[in-house]
Amino acid sequence: MDQFKDVMQHADYILGPVKEFFNNVGNSEIYNVTKMTGIVTDMIEYSKPGIVPGYLKMPERLSSSTIYYQTPESLKDIIVTLLDHKTACKYAKNALDNSRKYALSNYLI
């Protein structure tokens, strides 16, 4: 778990799942239909922008720090765009703002 936290703290972005359907002990799971993805909580907890497939319905409150891709080609184009310092800073600031606004500690008992 420490390795995961270390990676997350040093990452610039969180890349969402690339598969929609998963098999888990014979049960088919679909992100955001029968299974929630951890990217939502990770984006908030670690103050990181998320890059997710277009089919994944993210909470509206994270829209300013969420980037959607439709195809592998569009994902490549997004990654190239994010190499621009100004663009990267915009998403990083939005992610930090969202993290402060929607801190997980506000929702946990």
C-alpha atoms as a PDB file:
ATOM      1  CA  MET A   1       0.000   0.000   0.000  1.00  0.00           C
ATOM      2  CA  ASP A   2       2.881   2.395   0.672  1.00  0.00           C
ATOM      3  CA  GLN A   3       4.125   1.841  -2.870  1.00  0.00           C
ATOM      4  CA  PHE A   4       0.672   2.726  -4.250  1.00  0.00           C
ATOM      5  CA  LYS A   5       0.577   5.964  -2.226  1.00  0.00           C
ATOM      6  CA  ASP A   6       4.086   6.853  -3.337  1.00  0.00           C
ATOM      7  CA  VAL A   7       3.184   6.347  -6.989  1.00  0.00           C
ATOM      8  CA  MET A   8      -0.038   8.334  -6.615  1.00  0.00           C
ATOM      9  CA  GLN A   9       1.672  11.232  -4.875  1.00  0.00           C
ATOM     10  CA  HIS A  10       4.247  11.535  -7.655  1.00  0.00           C
ATOM     11  CA  ALA A  11       1.884  10.972 -10.598  1.00  0.00           C
ATOM     12  CA  ASP A  12       0.695  13.876 -12.713  1.00  0.00           C
ATOM     13  CA  TYR A  13      -2.529  12.189 -13.863  1.00  0.00           C
ATOM     14  CA  ILE A  14      -4.634   9.139 -13.123  1.00  0.00           C
ATOM     15  CA  LEU A  15      -5.485   7.065 -16.176  1.00  0.00           C
ATOM     16  CA  GLY A  16      -8.880   5.380 -15.864  1.00  0.00           C
ATOM     17  CA  PRO A  17      -9.818   1.865 -16.889  1.00  0.00           C
ATOM     18  CA  VAL A  18      -9.424   0.900 -20.500  1.00  0.00           C
ATOM     19  CA  LYS A  19     -11.900  -1.982 -20.374  1.00  0.00           C
ATOM     20  CA  GLU A  20     -15.594  -1.573 -19.743  1.00  0.00           C
ATOM     21  CA  PHE A  21     -16.452  -5.165 -18.875  1.00  0.00           C
ATOM     22  CA  PHE A  22     -14.689  -7.263 -16.263  1.00  0.00           C
ATOM     23  CA  ASN A  23     -15.232 -10.819 -15.079  1.00  0.00           C
ATOM     24  CA  ASN A  24     -15.014 -11.402 -11.362  1.00  0.00           C
ATOM     25  CA  VAL A  25     -15.508 -14.997 -10.232  1.00  0.00           C
ATOM     26  CA  GLY A  26     -17.930 -15.599 -13.069  1.00  0.00           C
ATOM     27  CA  ASN A  27     -19.931 -12.409 -12.516  1.00  0.00           C
ATOM     28  CA  SER A  28     -19.730  -9.802 -15.231  1.00  0.00           C
ATOM     29  CA  GLU A  29     -19.130  -6.289 -13.903  1.00  0.00           C
ATOM     30  CA  ILE A  30     -19.517  -3.012 -15.743  1.00  0.00           C
ATOM     31  CA  TYR A  31     -17.861   0.140 -14.452  1.00  0.00           C
ATOM     32  CA  ASN A  32     -20.392   2.641 -13.173  1.00  0.00           C
ATOM     33  CA  VAL A  33     -23.276   0.227 -13.678  1.00  0.00           C
ATOM     34  CA  THR A  34     -22.534  -2.726 -11.391  1.00  0.00           C
ATOM     35  CA  LYS A  35     -19.148  -1.516 -10.132  1.00  0.00           C
ATOM     36  CA  MET A  36     -17.779   1.879  -9.134  1.00  0.00           C
ATOM     37  CA  THR A  37     -14.274   2.748 -10.152  1.00  0.00           C
ATOM     38  CA  GLY A  38     -11.754   3.876  -7.542  1.00  0.00           C
ATOM     39  CA  ILE A  39     -10.576   6.685  -9.802  1.00  0.00           C
ATOM     40  CA  VAL A  40     -13.177   9.043  -8.305  1.00  0.00           C
ATOM     41  CA  THR A  41     -11.869   8.724  -4.768  1.00  0.00           C
ATOM     42  CA  ASP A  42      -8.242   8.644  -5.944  1.00  0.00           C
ATOM     43  CA  MET A  43      -8.713  11.891  -7.886  1.00  0.00           C
ATOM     44  CA  ILE A  44     -10.050  13.563  -4.744  1.00  0.00           C
ATOM     45  CA  GLU A  45      -7.655  12.002  -2.251  1.00  0.00           C
ATOM     46  CA  TYR A  46      -4.484  12.611  -4.268  1.00  0.00           C
ATOM     47  CA  SER A  47      -5.561  15.876  -5.999  1.00  0.00           C
ATOM     48  CA  LYS A  48      -4.949  14.479  -9.483  1.00  0.00           C
ATOM     49  CA  PRO A  49      -6.715  15.062 -12.798  1.00  0.00           C
ATOM     50  CA  GLY A  50      -8.258  11.946 -14.295  1.00  0.00           C
ATOM     51  CA  ILE A  51      -8.108  10.693 -17.875  1.00  0.00           C
ATOM     52  CA  VAL A  52     -11.014   8.317 -18.444  1.00  0.00           C
ATOM     53  CA  PRO A  53     -12.872   6.602 -21.293  1.00  0.00           C
ATOM     54  CA  GLY A  54     -15.912   8.472 -22.579  1.00  0.00           C
ATOM     55  CA  TYR A  55     -18.337   5.758 -21.440  1.00  0.00           C
ATOM     56  CA  LEU A  56     -17.385   6.262 -17.790  1.00  0.00           C
ATOM     57  CA  LYS A  57     -19.828   8.644 -16.144  1.00  0.00           C
ATOM     58  CA  MET A  58     -17.860  10.737 -13.677  1.00  0.00           C
ATOM     59  CA  PRO A  59     -19.451  12.971 -11.034  1.00  0.00           C
ATOM     60  CA  GLU A  60     -20.227  16.454 -12.338  1.00  0.00           C
ATOM     61  CA  ARG A  61     -18.284  17.990  -9.439  1.00  0.00           C
ATOM     62  CA  LEU A  62     -15.047  16.576 -10.927  1.00  0.00           C
ATOM     63  CA  SER A  63     -15.707  17.715 -14.501  1.00  0.00           C
ATOM     64  CA  SER A  64     -13.084  20.476 -14.371  1.00  0.00           C
ATOM     65  CA  SER A  65     -10.366  17.927 -13.649  1.00  0.00           C
ATOM     66  CA  THR A  66     -11.634  15.076 -15.852  1.00  0.00           C
ATOM     67  CA  ILE A  67     -10.483  14.481 -19.418  1.00  0.00           C
ATOM     68  CA  TYR A  68     -12.436  12.003 -21.569  1.00  0.00           C
ATOM     69  CA  TYR A  69     -11.071   9.947 -24.440  1.00  0.00           C
ATOM     70  CA  GLN A  70     -13.020   7.908 -26.975  1.00  0.00           C
ATOM     71  CA  THR A  71     -10.375   5.895 -28.824  1.00  0.00           C
ATOM     72  CA  PRO A  72      -6.727   4.943 -28.349  1.00  0.00           C
ATOM     73  CA  GLU A  73      -5.869   7.585 -30.963  1.00  0.00           C
ATOM     74  CA  SER A  74      -7.712  10.303 -29.030  1.00  0.00           C
ATOM     75  CA  LEU A  75      -5.955   9.172 -25.838  1.00  0.00           C
ATOM     76  CA  LYS A  76      -2.622   9.636 -27.587  1.00  0.00           C
ATOM     77  CA  ASP A  77      -3.642  13.124 -28.722  1.00  0.00           C
ATOM     78  CA  ILE A  78      -4.739  14.020 -25.175  1.00  0.00           C
ATOM     79  CA  ILE A  79      -1.439  12.876 -23.704  1.00  0.00           C
ATOM     80  CA  VAL A  80       0.470  14.973 -26.252  1.00  0.00           C
ATOM     81  CA  THR A  81      -1.743  17.995 -25.405  1.00  0.00           C
ATOM     82  CA  LEU A  82      -1.048  17.497 -21.699  1.00  0.00           C
ATOM     83  CA  LEU A  83       2.678  17.884 -22.330  1.00  0.00           C
ATOM     84  CA  ASP A  84       1.950  21.602 -22.660  1.00  0.00           C
ATOM     85  CA  HIS A  85       2.900  23.191 -19.322  1.00  0.00           C
ATOM     86  CA  LYS A  86       0.006  25.677 -19.292  1.00  0.00           C
ATOM     87  CA  THR A  87      -2.581  22.980 -19.974  1.00  0.00           C
ATOM     88  CA  ALA A  88      -1.075  20.647 -17.380  1.00  0.00           C
ATOM     89  CA  CYS A  89      -1.093  23.422 -14.760  1.00  0.00           C
ATOM     90  CA  LYS A  90      -4.752  24.223 -15.478  1.00  0.00           C
ATOM     91  CA  TYR A  91      -5.831  20.624 -14.837  1.00  0.00           C
ATOM     92  CA  ALA A  92      -3.566  20.320 -11.779  1.00  0.00           C
ATOM     93  CA  LYS A  93      -5.070  23.484 -10.254  1.00  0.00           C
ATOM     94  CA  ASN A  94      -8.614  22.277 -10.959  1.00  0.00           C
ATOM     95  CA  ALA A  95      -7.813  18.915  -9.359  1.00  0.00           C
ATOM     96  CA  LEU A  96      -6.406  20.625  -6.265  1.00  0.00           C
ATOM     97  CA  ASP A  97      -9.488  22.857  -6.004  1.00  0.00           C
ATOM     98  CA  ASN A  98     -11.772  19.828  -6.349  1.00  0.00           C
ATOM     99  CA  SER A  99      -9.775  17.921  -3.770  1.00  0.00           C
ATOM    100  CA  ARG A 100     -10.163  20.727  -1.249  1.00  0.00           C
ATOM    101  CA  LYS A 101     -13.836  21.234  -2.031  1.00  0.00           C
ATOM    102  CA  TYR A 102     -14.768  17.558  -1.944  1.00  0.00           C
ATOM    103  CA  ALA A 103     -12.333  16.181   0.637  1.00  0.00           C
ATOM    104  CA  LEU A 104     -13.114  12.572   1.484  1.00  0.00           C
ATOM    105  CA  SER A 105     -12.958  13.392   5.187  1.00  0.00           C
ATOM    106  CA  ASN A 106     -16.175  15.391   4.698  1.00  0.00           C
ATOM    107  CA  TYR A 107     -17.979  12.206   3.660  1.00  0.00           C
ATOM    108  CA  LEU A 108     -16.433   9.595   5.947  1.00  0.00           C
ATOM    109  CA  ILE A 109     -17.770   8.872   9.409  1.00  0.00           C
END
